[in-house]
């Protein structure tokens, strides 16, 4: 069972509609940090970079 205090920094369930947290906040933070470091290494020599995000779903 996941630690309920790691539900995005909230105690208990973060929302009444949620049964449980599938990915704890610390895992998301660690992965985002790792991706940021990888992007920084991959594009260290690039002066200008343009990122375009496309949201699709819901």
Protein backbone atom coordinates (compact mmCIF):
# COMPACT_ATOMS: atom_id res chain seq x y z
CA UNK A 1 0.00 0.00 0.00
CA UNK A 2 1.24 3.46 -0.87
CA UNK A 3 1.95 6.03 1.79
CA UNK A 4 -1.13 8.31 1.82
CA UNK A 5 1.00 11.31 2.82
CA UNK A 6 2.80 11.03 -0.54
CA UNK A 7 -0.39 11.73 -2.48
CA UNK A 8 1.01 14.89 -4.04
CA UNK A 9 1.80 16.28 -0.62
CA UNK A 10 -1.74 15.84 0.72
CA UNK A 11 -2.83 13.69 3.62
CA UNK A 12 -5.30 10.96 2.74
CA UNK A 13 -6.83 10.77 -0.72
CA UNK A 14 -6.20 13.95 -2.71
CA UNK A 15 -9.77 13.90 -4.08
CA UNK A 16 -12.90 11.97 -3.01
CA UNK A 17 -13.27 10.47 -6.51
CA UNK A 18 -9.85 8.80 -6.28
CA UNK A 19 -9.44 5.35 -4.81
CA UNK A 20 -5.63 5.37 -4.68
CA UNK A 21 -2.56 7.06 -6.09
CA UNK A 22 -0.94 5.01 -8.87
CA UNK A 23 2.31 6.98 -9.17
CA UNK A 24 3.59 8.63 -5.98
CA UNK A 25 4.64 12.27 -6.18
CA UNK A 26 8.28 11.49 -5.42
CA UNK A 27 8.49 9.15 -8.43
CA UNK A 28 7.06 11.84 -10.71
CA UNK A 29 9.51 14.44 -9.32
CA UNK A 30 12.48 12.09 -9.81
CA UNK A 31 11.49 11.25 -13.40
CA UNK A 32 10.87 14.89 -14.35
CA UNK A 33 14.28 15.82 -12.90
CA UNK A 34 15.98 12.99 -14.83
CA UNK A 35 14.26 14.04 -18.08
CA UNK A 36 15.30 17.66 -17.54
CA UNK A 37 18.92 16.62 -17.03
CA UNK A 38 18.84 14.46 -20.17
CA UNK A 39 17.37 17.29 -22.24
CA UNK A 40 20.02 19.68 -20.89
CA UNK A 41 22.78 17.26 -21.93
CA UNK A 42 21.28 16.52 -25.34
CA UNK A 43 20.85 20.19 -26.24
CA UNK A 44 23.83 21.73 -24.41
CA UNK A 45 25.36 22.93 -27.71
CA UNK A 46 22.13 24.40 -29.09
CA UNK A 47 21.74 28.15 -28.58
CA UNK A 48 18.04 28.55 -29.34
CA UNK A 49 15.48 25.81 -28.97
CA UNK A 50 11.75 25.94 -29.61
CA UNK A 51 9.57 23.37 -27.91
CA UNK A 52 5.98 22.83 -28.97
CA UNK A 53 3.71 20.86 -26.68
CA UNK A 54 0.52 19.30 -27.98
CA UNK A 55 -2.09 18.23 -25.49
CA UNK A 56 -4.52 15.63 -26.70
CA UNK A 57 -7.10 13.68 -24.82
CA UNK A 58 -9.88 14.09 -22.31
